[in-house]
C-alpha atoms as a PDB file:
ATOM      1  CA  UNK A   1     -11.570 -17.928  35.096  1.00  0.00           C
ATOM      2  CA  UNK A   2     -12.512 -15.166  32.699  1.00  0.00           C
ATOM      3  CA  UNK A   3     -15.935 -14.776  31.190  1.00  0.00           C
ATOM      4  CA  UNK A   4     -16.558 -14.445  27.452  1.00  0.00           C
ATOM      5  CA  UNK A   5     -14.662 -11.642  25.739  1.00  0.00           C
ATOM      6  CA  UNK A   6     -16.626  -8.673  24.518  1.00  0.00           C
ATOM      7  CA  UNK A   7     -16.454  -8.120  20.781  1.00  0.00           C
ATOM      8  CA  UNK A   8     -15.574  -4.463  21.270  1.00  0.00           C
ATOM      9  CA  UNK A   9     -12.622  -5.372  23.482  1.00  0.00           C
ATOM     10  CA  UNK A  10     -11.371  -7.961  20.986  1.00  0.00           C
ATOM     11  CA  UNK A  11     -11.708  -5.478  18.105  1.00  0.00           C
ATOM     12  CA  UNK A  12      -9.889  -2.787  20.094  1.00  0.00           C
ATOM     13  CA  UNK A  13      -6.964  -5.121  20.888  1.00  0.00           C
ATOM     14  CA  UNK A  14      -6.800  -6.186  17.229  1.00  0.00           C
ATOM     15  CA  UNK A  15      -6.722  -2.590  15.999  1.00  0.00           C
ATOM     16  CA  UNK A  16      -4.172  -1.479  18.595  1.00  0.00           C
ATOM     17  CA  UNK A  17      -1.957  -4.528  18.142  1.00  0.00           C
ATOM     18  CA  UNK A  18      -2.073  -5.135  14.409  1.00  0.00           C
ATOM     19  CA  UNK A  19      -3.876  -2.495  12.388  1.00  0.00           C
ATOM     20  CA  UNK A  20      -2.410   0.653  13.962  1.00  0.00           C
ATOM     21  CA  UNK A  21       1.267  -0.378  13.661  1.00  0.00           C
ATOM     22  CA  UNK A  22       0.689  -1.543  10.082  1.00  0.00           C
ATOM     23  CA  UNK A  23      -1.134   1.694   9.275  1.00  0.00           C
ATOM     24  CA  UNK A  24       1.703   3.768  10.738  1.00  0.00           C
ATOM     25  CA  UNK A  25       4.230   1.856   8.669  1.00  0.00           C
ATOM     26  CA  UNK A  26       2.400   1.884   5.333  1.00  0.00           C
ATOM     27  CA  UNK A  27       0.292   5.072   5.330  1.00  0.00           C
ATOM     28  CA  UNK A  28       3.282   7.129   4.157  1.00  0.00           C
ATOM     29  CA  UNK A  29       3.596   4.812   1.140  1.00  0.00           C
ATOM     30  CA  UNK A  30       0.083   5.685  -0.047  1.00  0.00           C
ATOM     31  CA  UNK A  31       0.710   9.374   0.563  1.00  0.00           C
ATOM     32  CA  UNK A  32       4.009   9.374  -1.359  1.00  0.00           C
ATOM     33  CA  UNK A  33       2.458   7.239  -4.120  1.00  0.00           C
ATOM     34  CA  UNK A  34      -0.168   9.930  -4.702  1.00  0.00           C
ATOM     35  CA  UNK A  35       2.522  12.617  -4.800  1.00  0.00           C
ATOM     36  CA  UNK A  36       4.647  10.709  -7.316  1.00  0.00           C
ATOM     37  CA  UNK A  37       1.930  10.008  -9.862  1.00  0.00           C
ATOM     38  CA  UNK A  38       0.231  12.550 -12.090  1.00  0.00           C
ATOM     39  CA  UNK A  39      -3.474  12.968 -11.308  1.00  0.00           C
ATOM     40  CA  UNK A  40      -4.460  11.150 -14.497  1.00  0.00           C
ATOM     41  CA  UNK A  41      -2.627   7.978 -13.450  1.00  0.00           C
ATOM     42  CA  UNK A  42      -3.765   8.298  -9.836  1.00  0.00           C
ATOM     43  CA  UNK A  43      -7.394   8.183 -10.933  1.00  0.00           C
ATOM     44  CA  UNK A  44      -6.857   4.820 -12.619  1.00  0.00           C
ATOM     45  CA  UNK A  45      -5.004   2.850  -9.960  1.00  0.00           C
ATOM     46  CA  UNK A  46      -5.043   2.053  -6.257  1.00  0.00           C
ATOM     47  CA  UNK A  47      -2.738   0.340  -3.818  1.00  0.00           C
ATOM     48  CA  UNK A  48      -4.328  -3.012  -2.999  1.00  0.00           C
ATOM     49  CA  UNK A  49      -1.761  -4.510  -0.649  1.00  0.00           C
ATOM     50  CA  UNK A  50       1.687  -4.176   0.848  1.00  0.00           C
ATOM     51  CA  UNK A  51       3.181  -7.332   2.281  1.00  0.00           C
ATOM     52  CA  UNK A  52       6.547  -9.005   2.369  1.00  0.00           C
ATOM     53  CA  UNK A  53       8.129  -6.073   0.600  1.00  0.00           C
ATOM     54  CA  UNK A  54       5.746  -6.342  -2.355  1.00  0.00           C
ATOM     55  CA  UNK A  55       3.516  -3.429  -3.302  1.00  0.00           C
ATOM     56  CA  UNK A  56       0.448  -4.585  -5.225  1.00  0.00           C
ATOM     57  CA  UNK A  57      -1.284  -1.961  -7.354  1.00  0.00           C
ATOM     58  CA  UNK A  58      -4.580  -2.547  -9.149  1.00  0.00           C
ATOM     59  CA  UNK A  59      -5.049  -0.618 -12.378  1.00  0.00           C
ATOM     60  CA  UNK A  60      -8.367  -0.209 -14.187  1.00  0.00           C
ATOM     61  CA  UNK A  61      -7.097  -0.758 -17.737  1.00  0.00           C
ATOM     62  CA  UNK A  62      -4.178  -2.334 -19.550  1.00  0.00           C
ATOM     63  CA  UNK A  63      -3.178   0.978 -21.149  1.00  0.00           C
ATOM     64  CA  UNK A  64      -2.621   2.568 -17.718  1.00  0.00           C
ATOM     65  CA  UNK A  65      -0.925  -0.603 -16.526  1.00  0.00           C
ATOM     66  CA  UNK A  66       1.542  -0.219 -19.378  1.00  0.00           C
ATOM     67  CA  UNK A  67       2.208   3.422 -18.471  1.00  0.00           C
ATOM     68  CA  UNK A  68       2.847   2.486 -14.855  1.00  0.00           C
ATOM     69  CA  UNK A  69       5.162  -0.348 -15.854  1.00  0.00           C
ATOM     70  CA  UNK A  70       7.214   2.098 -17.901  1.00  0.00           C
ATOM     71  CA  UNK A  71       7.895   4.216 -14.847  1.00  0.00           C
ATOM     72  CA  UNK A  72       7.924   1.421 -12.243  1.00  0.00           C
ATOM     73  CA  UNK A  73      11.686   1.469 -11.640  1.00  0.00           C
ATOM     74  CA  UNK A  74      11.614   5.201 -10.904  1.00  0.00           C
ATOM     75  CA  UNK A  75       8.547   4.780  -8.677  1.00  0.00           C
ATOM     76  CA  UNK A  76      10.241   1.971  -6.773  1.00  0.00           C
ATOM     77  CA  UNK A  77      13.418   4.006  -6.345  1.00  0.00           C
ATOM     78  CA  UNK A  78      11.465   6.960  -4.942  1.00  0.00           C
ATOM     79  CA  UNK A  79       9.388   4.792  -2.601  1.00  0.00           C
ATOM     80  CA  UNK A  80      12.504   3.083  -1.247  1.00  0.00           C
ATOM     81  CA  UNK A  81      14.138   6.454  -0.662  1.00  0.00           C
ATOM     82  CA  UNK A  82      11.136   8.224   0.866  1.00  0.00           C
ATOM     83  CA  UNK A  83       9.603   5.267   2.769  1.00  0.00           C
ATOM     84  CA  UNK A  84      12.488   3.122   3.987  1.00  0.00           C
ATOM     85  CA  UNK A  85      10.450   1.628   6.878  1.00  0.00           C
ATOM     86  CA  UNK A  86       8.107  -0.049   4.378  1.00  0.00           C
ATOM     87  CA  UNK A  87      11.027  -2.025   2.865  1.00  0.00           C
ATOM     88  CA  UNK A  88       9.386  -2.254  -0.554  1.00  0.00           C
ATOM     89  CA  UNK A  89      11.329  -4.538  -2.893  1.00  0.00           C
ATOM     90  CA  UNK A  90       9.085  -4.519  -5.930  1.00  0.00           C
ATOM     91  CA  UNK A  91       5.832  -3.276  -7.415  1.00  0.00           C
ATOM     92  CA  UNK A  92       3.343  -5.604  -9.069  1.00  0.00           C
ATOM     93  CA  UNK A  93       0.631  -4.138 -11.273  1.00  0.00           C
ATOM     94  CA  UNK A  94      -2.560  -6.026 -12.121  1.00  0.00           C
ATOM     95  CA  UNK A  95      -5.673  -5.090 -14.043  1.00  0.00           C
ATOM     96  CA  UNK A  96      -8.791  -5.296 -11.923  1.00  0.00           C
END
């Protein structure tokens, strides 16, 4: 019978098993995202989540949300081309 698990060991297994593979898969998305957007737009949004093929981006104002929506199809096309492992199907923008 094993004794109680050490928190450090549990955290290490979690990071190695879940966080690291997810990070390896989605880190390029954030990098490419920053390359695709002009600095002005980059300063007003951030990637909040990537799951199930959906990229969620939080924008700090409705005016920047509108600008991002105007170019969303081109952004999606580029992300699909440059980050095929992420399998992004759509981008959802929200003000937050």
